[in-house]
């Protein structure tokens, strides 16, 4: 399974990724997004959409 990672220094807390794929992304106590679950085959496209939609390019696939 692939995992997404949110760069906490870049994230502006807009929540767009959470709206696109709440099975992987959530807002944390600091008001920024975090990937709390790895992606699955079923939501991998949604994770990629969140990566592509992030206004500050804070989300990447982790190796």
PDB file of N, CA and C in Angstrom:
ATOM      1  N   UNK A   1       0.834  -1.194   0.000  1.00  0.00           N
ATOM      2  CA  UNK A   1       0.000   0.000   0.000  1.00  0.00           C
ATOM      3  C   UNK A   1       0.871   1.248   0.000  1.00  0.00           C
ATOM      4  N   UNK A   2       0.429   2.220  -0.743  1.00  0.00           N
ATOM      5  CA  UNK A   2       1.122   3.499  -0.777  1.00  0.00           C
ATOM      6  C   UNK A   2       0.606   4.373   0.355  1.00  0.00           C
ATOM      7  N   UNK A   3       1.467   5.246   0.821  1.00  0.00           N
ATOM      8  CA  UNK A   3       1.068   6.173   1.876  1.00  0.00           C
ATOM      9  C   UNK A   3       1.339   7.596   1.418  1.00  0.00           C
ATOM     10  N   UNK A   4       0.439   8.471   1.775  1.00  0.00           N
ATOM     11  CA  UNK A   4       0.627   9.884   1.494  1.00  0.00           C
ATOM     12  C   UNK A   4       1.212  10.548   2.730  1.00  0.00           C
ATOM     13  N   UNK A   5       1.932  11.633   2.506  1.00  0.00           N
ATOM     14  CA  UNK A   5       2.512  12.387   3.614  1.00  0.00           C
ATOM     15  C   UNK A   5       2.200  13.858   3.406  1.00  0.00           C
ATOM     16  N   UNK A   6       1.800  14.525   4.487  1.00  0.00           N
ATOM     17  CA  UNK A   6       1.524  15.957   4.445  1.00  0.00           C
ATOM     18  C   UNK A   6       2.687  16.678   5.115  1.00  0.00           C
ATOM     19  N   UNK A   7       3.304  17.600   4.390  1.00  0.00           N
ATOM     20  CA  UNK A   7       4.384  18.418   4.940  1.00  0.00           C
ATOM     21  C   UNK A   7       3.758  19.465   5.856  1.00  0.00           C
ATOM     22  N   UNK A   8       3.977  19.317   7.143  1.00  0.00           N
ATOM     23  CA  UNK A   8       3.361  20.203   8.125  1.00  0.00           C
ATOM     24  C   UNK A   8       3.850  21.641   8.013  1.00  0.00           C
ATOM     25  N   UNK A   9       5.034  21.842   7.477  1.00  0.00           N
ATOM     26  CA  UNK A   9       5.558  23.194   7.306  1.00  0.00           C
ATOM     27  C   UNK A   9       4.903  23.923   6.139  1.00  0.00           C
ATOM     28  N   UNK A  10       4.377  23.178   5.175  1.00  0.00           N
ATOM     29  CA  UNK A  10       3.742  23.780   4.008  1.00  0.00           C
ATOM     30  C   UNK A  10       2.227  23.891   4.134  1.00  0.00           C
ATOM     31  N   UNK A  11       1.609  22.968   4.858  1.00  0.00           N
ATOM     32  CA  UNK A  11       0.145  22.901   4.940  1.00  0.00           C
ATOM     33  C   UNK A  11      -0.419  24.191   5.524  1.00  0.00           C
ATOM     34  N   UNK A  12      -1.460  24.717   4.876  1.00  0.00           N
ATOM     35  CA  UNK A  12      -2.116  25.937   5.347  1.00  0.00           C
ATOM     36  C   UNK A  12      -3.454  25.632   6.019  1.00  0.00           C
ATOM     37  N   UNK A  13      -3.803  24.369   6.127  1.00  0.00           N
ATOM     38  CA  UNK A  13      -5.014  23.963   6.836  1.00  0.00           C
ATOM     39  C   UNK A  13      -6.306  24.278   6.120  1.00  0.00           C
ATOM     40  N   UNK A  14      -6.292  24.247   4.811  1.00  0.00           N
ATOM     41  CA  UNK A  14      -7.509  24.580   4.063  1.00  0.00           C
ATOM     42  C   UNK A  14      -8.550  23.463   4.134  1.00  0.00           C
ATOM     43  N   UNK A  15      -8.111  22.233   4.387  1.00  0.00           N
ATOM     44  CA  UNK A  15      -9.037  21.111   4.535  1.00  0.00           C
ATOM     45  C   UNK A  15      -9.516  20.485   3.241  1.00  0.00           C
ATOM     46  N   UNK A  16      -9.008  20.936   2.118  1.00  0.00           N
ATOM     47  CA  UNK A  16      -9.441  20.405   0.833  1.00  0.00           C
ATOM     48  C   UNK A  16      -9.195  18.903   0.736  1.00  0.00           C
ATOM     49  N   UNK A  17      -8.041  18.453   1.183  1.00  0.00           N
ATOM     50  CA  UNK A  17      -7.717  17.024   1.110  1.00  0.00           C
ATOM     51  C   UNK A  17      -8.689  16.193   1.945  1.00  0.00           C
ATOM     52  N   UNK A  18      -9.084  16.712   3.095  1.00  0.00           N
ATOM     53  CA  UNK A  18     -10.038  16.005   3.960  1.00  0.00           C
ATOM     54  C   UNK A  18     -11.396  15.886   3.274  1.00  0.00           C
ATOM     55  N   UNK A  19     -11.779  16.919   2.567  1.00  0.00           N
ATOM     56  CA  UNK A  19     -13.037  16.889   1.835  1.00  0.00           C
ATOM     57  C   UNK A  19     -13.010  15.911   0.674  1.00  0.00           C
ATOM     58  N   UNK A  20     -11.854  15.744   0.079  1.00  0.00           N
ATOM     59  CA  UNK A  20     -11.714  14.836  -1.058  1.00  0.00           C
ATOM     60  C   UNK A  20     -11.594  13.383  -0.590  1.00  0.00           C
ATOM     61  N   UNK A  21     -10.839  13.145   0.468  1.00  0.00           N
ATOM     62  CA  UNK A  21     -10.590  11.766   0.909  1.00  0.00           C
ATOM     63  C   UNK A  21     -10.444  11.707   2.432  1.00  0.00           C
ATOM     64  N   UNK A  22     -11.573  11.717   3.123  1.00  0.00           N
ATOM     65  CA  UNK A  22     -11.532  11.701   4.588  1.00  0.00           C
ATOM     66  C   UNK A  22     -11.171  10.335   5.169  1.00  0.00           C
ATOM     67  N   UNK A  23     -11.050   9.332   4.320  1.00  0.00           N
ATOM     68  CA  UNK A  23     -10.599   8.019   4.795  1.00  0.00           C
ATOM     69  C   UNK A  23      -9.082   7.975   4.975  1.00  0.00           C
ATOM     70  N   UNK A  24      -8.383   8.991   4.467  1.00  0.00           N
ATOM     71  CA  UNK A  24      -6.925   9.059   4.590  1.00  0.00           C
ATOM     72  C   UNK A  24      -6.484  10.328   5.323  1.00  0.00           C
ATOM     73  N   UNK A  25      -7.155  11.445   5.072  1.00  0.00           N
ATOM     74  CA  UNK A  25      -6.741  12.732   5.629  1.00  0.00           C
ATOM     75  C   UNK A  25      -7.706  13.228   6.705  1.00  0.00           C
ATOM     76  N   UNK A  26      -7.147  13.905   7.706  1.00  0.00           N
ATOM     77  CA  UNK A  26      -7.946  14.570   8.741  1.00  0.00           C
ATOM     78  C   UNK A  26      -7.179  15.788   9.226  1.00  0.00           C
ATOM     79  N   UNK A  27      -7.895  16.678   9.887  1.00  0.00           N
ATOM     80  CA  UNK A  27      -7.257  17.848  10.477  1.00  0.00           C
ATOM     81  C   UNK A  27      -6.755  17.466  11.862  1.00  0.00           C
ATOM     82  N   UNK A  28      -5.567  17.936  12.220  1.00  0.00           N
ATOM     83  CA  UNK A  28      -5.005  17.621  13.533  1.00  0.00           C
ATOM     84  C   UNK A  28      -5.234  18.777  14.507  1.00  0.00           C
ATOM     85  N   UNK A  29      -4.747  18.640  15.714  1.00  0.00           N
ATOM     86  CA  UNK A  29      -4.954  19.649  16.753  1.00  0.00           C
ATOM     87  C   UNK A  29      -4.271  20.972  16.432  1.00  0.00           C
ATOM     88  N   UNK A  30      -3.276  20.947  15.565  1.00  0.00           N
ATOM     89  CA  UNK A  30      -2.575  22.174  15.178  1.00  0.00           C
ATOM     90  C   UNK A  30      -3.283  22.909  14.040  1.00  0.00           C
ATOM     91  N   UNK A  31      -4.368  22.331  13.541  1.00  0.00           N
ATOM     92  CA  UNK A  31      -5.123  22.976  12.475  1.00  0.00           C
ATOM     93  C   UNK A  31      -4.582  22.708  11.081  1.00  0.00           C
ATOM     94  N   UNK A  32      -3.707  21.723  10.970  1.00  0.00           N
ATOM     95  CA  UNK A  32      -3.197  21.334   9.654  1.00  0.00           C
ATOM     96  C   UNK A  32      -3.647  19.912   9.359  1.00  0.00           C
ATOM     97  N   UNK A  33      -3.549  19.534   8.105  1.00  0.00           N
ATOM     98  CA  UNK A  33      -3.980  18.201   7.689  1.00  0.00           C
ATOM     99  C   UNK A  33      -2.890  17.183   7.973  1.00  0.00           C
ATOM    100  N   UNK A  34      -3.318  15.947   8.153  1.00  0.00           N
ATOM    101  CA  UNK A  34      -2.378  14.846   8.290  1.00  0.00           C
ATOM    102  C   UNK A  34      -2.974  13.622   7.620  1.00  0.00           C
ATOM    103  N   UNK A  35      -2.095  12.764   7.137  1.00  0.00           N
ATOM    104  CA  UNK A  35      -2.522  11.487   6.570  1.00  0.00           C
ATOM    105  C   UNK A  35      -2.474  10.493   7.721  1.00  0.00           C
ATOM    106  N   UNK A  36      -3.635  10.053   8.173  1.00  0.00           N
ATOM    107  CA  UNK A  36      -3.688   9.178   9.333  1.00  0.00           C
ATOM    108  C   UNK A  36      -3.886   7.711   8.964  1.00  0.00           C
ATOM    109  N   UNK A  37      -4.115   7.426   7.700  1.00  0.00           N
ATOM    110  CA  UNK A  37      -4.277   6.063   7.208  1.00  0.00           C
ATOM    111  C   UNK A  37      -3.546   5.934   5.874  1.00  0.00           C
ATOM    112  N   UNK A  38      -2.989   4.774   5.592  1.00  0.00           N
ATOM    113  CA  UNK A  38      -2.438   4.563   4.248  1.00  0.00           C
ATOM    114  C   UNK A  38      -3.574   4.444   3.235  1.00  0.00           C
ATOM    115  N   UNK A  39      -3.267   4.680   2.001  1.00  0.00           N
ATOM    116  CA  UNK A  39      -4.290   4.554   0.964  1.00  0.00           C
ATOM    117  C   UNK A  39      -4.572   3.082   0.699  1.00  0.00           C
ATOM    118  N   UNK A  40      -5.714   2.835   0.121  1.00  0.00           N
ATOM    119  CA  UNK A  40      -6.092   1.484  -0.300  1.00  0.00           C
ATOM    120  C   UNK A  40      -6.292   1.512  -1.809  1.00  0.00           C
ATOM    121  N   UNK A  41      -6.490   0.354  -2.383  1.00  0.00           N
ATOM    122  CA  UNK A  41      -6.763   0.300  -3.819  1.00  0.00           C
ATOM    123  C   UNK A  41      -8.024   1.096  -4.159  1.00  0.00           C
ATOM    124  N   UNK A  42      -8.986   1.095  -3.235  1.00  0.00           N
ATOM    125  CA  UNK A  42     -10.262   1.761  -3.485  1.00  0.00           C
ATOM    126  C   UNK A  42     -10.157   3.293  -3.442  1.00  0.00           C
ATOM    127  N   UNK A  43      -9.261   3.838  -2.615  1.00  0.00           N
ATOM    128  CA  UNK A  43      -9.210   5.298  -2.494  1.00  0.00           C
ATOM    129  C   UNK A  43      -7.937   5.930  -3.049  1.00  0.00           C
ATOM    130  N   UNK A  44      -7.122   5.144  -3.720  1.00  0.00           N
ATOM    131  CA  UNK A  44      -5.862   5.667  -4.250  1.00  0.00           C
ATOM    132  C   UNK A  44      -6.084   6.817  -5.238  1.00  0.00           C
ATOM    133  N   UNK A  45      -7.111   6.728  -6.058  1.00  0.00           N
ATOM    134  CA  UNK A  45      -7.400   7.815  -6.999  1.00  0.00           C
ATOM    135  C   UNK A  45      -7.805   9.083  -6.262  1.00  0.00           C
ATOM    136  N   UNK A  46      -8.564   8.945  -5.176  1.00  0.00           N
ATOM    137  CA  UNK A  46      -8.977  10.106  -4.386  1.00  0.00           C
ATOM    138  C   UNK A  46      -7.776  10.748  -3.700  1.00  0.00           C
ATOM    139  N   UNK A  47      -6.848   9.937  -3.222  1.00  0.00           N
ATOM    140  CA  UNK A  47      -5.626  10.479  -2.623  1.00  0.00           C
ATOM    141  C   UNK A  47      -4.834  11.250  -3.673  1.00  0.00           C
ATOM    142  N   UNK A  48      -4.726  10.701  -4.870  1.00  0.00           N
ATOM    143  CA  UNK A  48      -4.013  11.405  -5.931  1.00  0.00           C
ATOM    144  C   UNK A  48      -4.717  12.716  -6.270  1.00  0.00           C
ATOM    145  N   UNK A  49      -6.041  12.721  -6.256  1.00  0.00           N
ATOM    146  CA  UNK A  49      -6.790  13.956  -6.499  1.00  0.00           C
ATOM    147  C   UNK A  49      -6.482  14.986  -5.410  1.00  0.00           C
ATOM    148  N   UNK A  50      -6.391  14.533  -4.160  1.00  0.00           N
ATOM    149  CA  UNK A  50      -6.044  15.441  -3.058  1.00  0.00           C
ATOM    150  C   UNK A  50      -4.637  16.004  -3.248  1.00  0.00           C
ATOM    151  N   UNK A  51      -3.702  15.157  -3.657  1.00  0.00           N
ATOM    152  CA  UNK A  51      -2.338  15.606  -3.922  1.00  0.00           C
ATOM    153  C   UNK A  51      -2.335  16.663  -5.025  1.00  0.00           C
ATOM    154  N   UNK A  52      -3.046  16.380  -6.106  1.00  0.00           N
ATOM    155  CA  UNK A  52      -3.092  17.311  -7.239  1.00  0.00           C
ATOM    156  C   UNK A  52      -3.827  18.601  -6.908  1.00  0.00           C
ATOM    157  N   UNK A  53      -4.772  18.551  -5.970  1.00  0.00           N
ATOM    158  CA  UNK A  53      -5.600  19.703  -5.648  1.00  0.00           C
ATOM    159  C   UNK A  53      -5.018  20.590  -4.550  1.00  0.00           C
ATOM    160  N   UNK A  54      -4.056  20.099  -3.809  1.00  0.00           N
ATOM    161  CA  UNK A  54      -3.499  20.881  -2.699  1.00  0.00           C
ATOM    162  C   UNK A  54      -2.938  22.207  -3.219  1.00  0.00           C
ATOM    163  N   UNK A  55      -3.442  23.333  -2.698  1.00  0.00           N
ATOM    164  CA  UNK A  55      -3.018  24.632  -3.242  1.00  0.00           C
ATOM    165  C   UNK A  55      -1.563  24.983  -2.953  1.00  0.00           C
ATOM    166  N   UNK A  56      -0.943  24.317  -1.988  1.00  0.00           N
ATOM    167  CA  UNK A  56       0.458  24.617  -1.669  1.00  0.00           C
ATOM    168  C   UNK A  56       1.381  23.415  -1.888  1.00  0.00           C
ATOM    169  N   UNK A  57       0.871  22.385  -2.555  1.00  0.00           N
ATOM    170  CA  UNK A  57       1.655  21.173  -2.865  1.00  0.00           C
ATOM    171  C   UNK A  57       2.302  20.570  -1.618  1.00  0.00           C
ATOM    172  N   UNK A  58       1.522  20.469  -0.544  1.00  0.00           N
ATOM    173  CA  UNK A  58       2.040  19.962   0.724  1.00  0.00           C
ATOM    174  C   UNK A  58       1.933  18.457   0.850  1.00  0.00           C
ATOM    175  N   UNK A  59       1.270  17.784  -0.092  1.00  0.00           N
ATOM    176  CA  UNK A  59       1.051  16.346   0.013  1.00  0.00           C
ATOM    177  C   UNK A  59       1.831  15.616  -1.076  1.00  0.00           C
ATOM    178  N   UNK A  60       2.515  14.575  -0.667  1.00  0.00           N
ATOM    179  CA  UNK A  60       3.297  13.768  -1.600  1.00  0.00           C
ATOM    180  C   UNK A  60       3.088  12.291  -1.263  1.00  0.00           C
ATOM    181  N   UNK A  61       3.404  11.431  -2.231  1.00  0.00           N
ATOM    182  CA  UNK A  61       3.446   9.999  -1.945  1.00  0.00           C
ATOM    183  C   UNK A  61       4.742   9.718  -1.219  1.00  0.00           C
ATOM    184  N   UNK A  62       4.683   8.929  -0.179  1.00  0.00           N
ATOM    185  CA  UNK A  62       5.856   8.546   0.581  1.00  0.00           C
ATOM    186  C   UNK A  62       6.424   7.268   0.001  1.00  0.00           C
ATOM    187  N   UNK A  63       7.732   7.178  -0.117  1.00  0.00           N
ATOM    188  CA  UNK A  63       8.372   5.973  -0.656  1.00  0.00           C
ATOM    189  C   UNK A  63       8.434   4.879   0.367  1.00  0.00           C
TER     190      UNK A  63
END
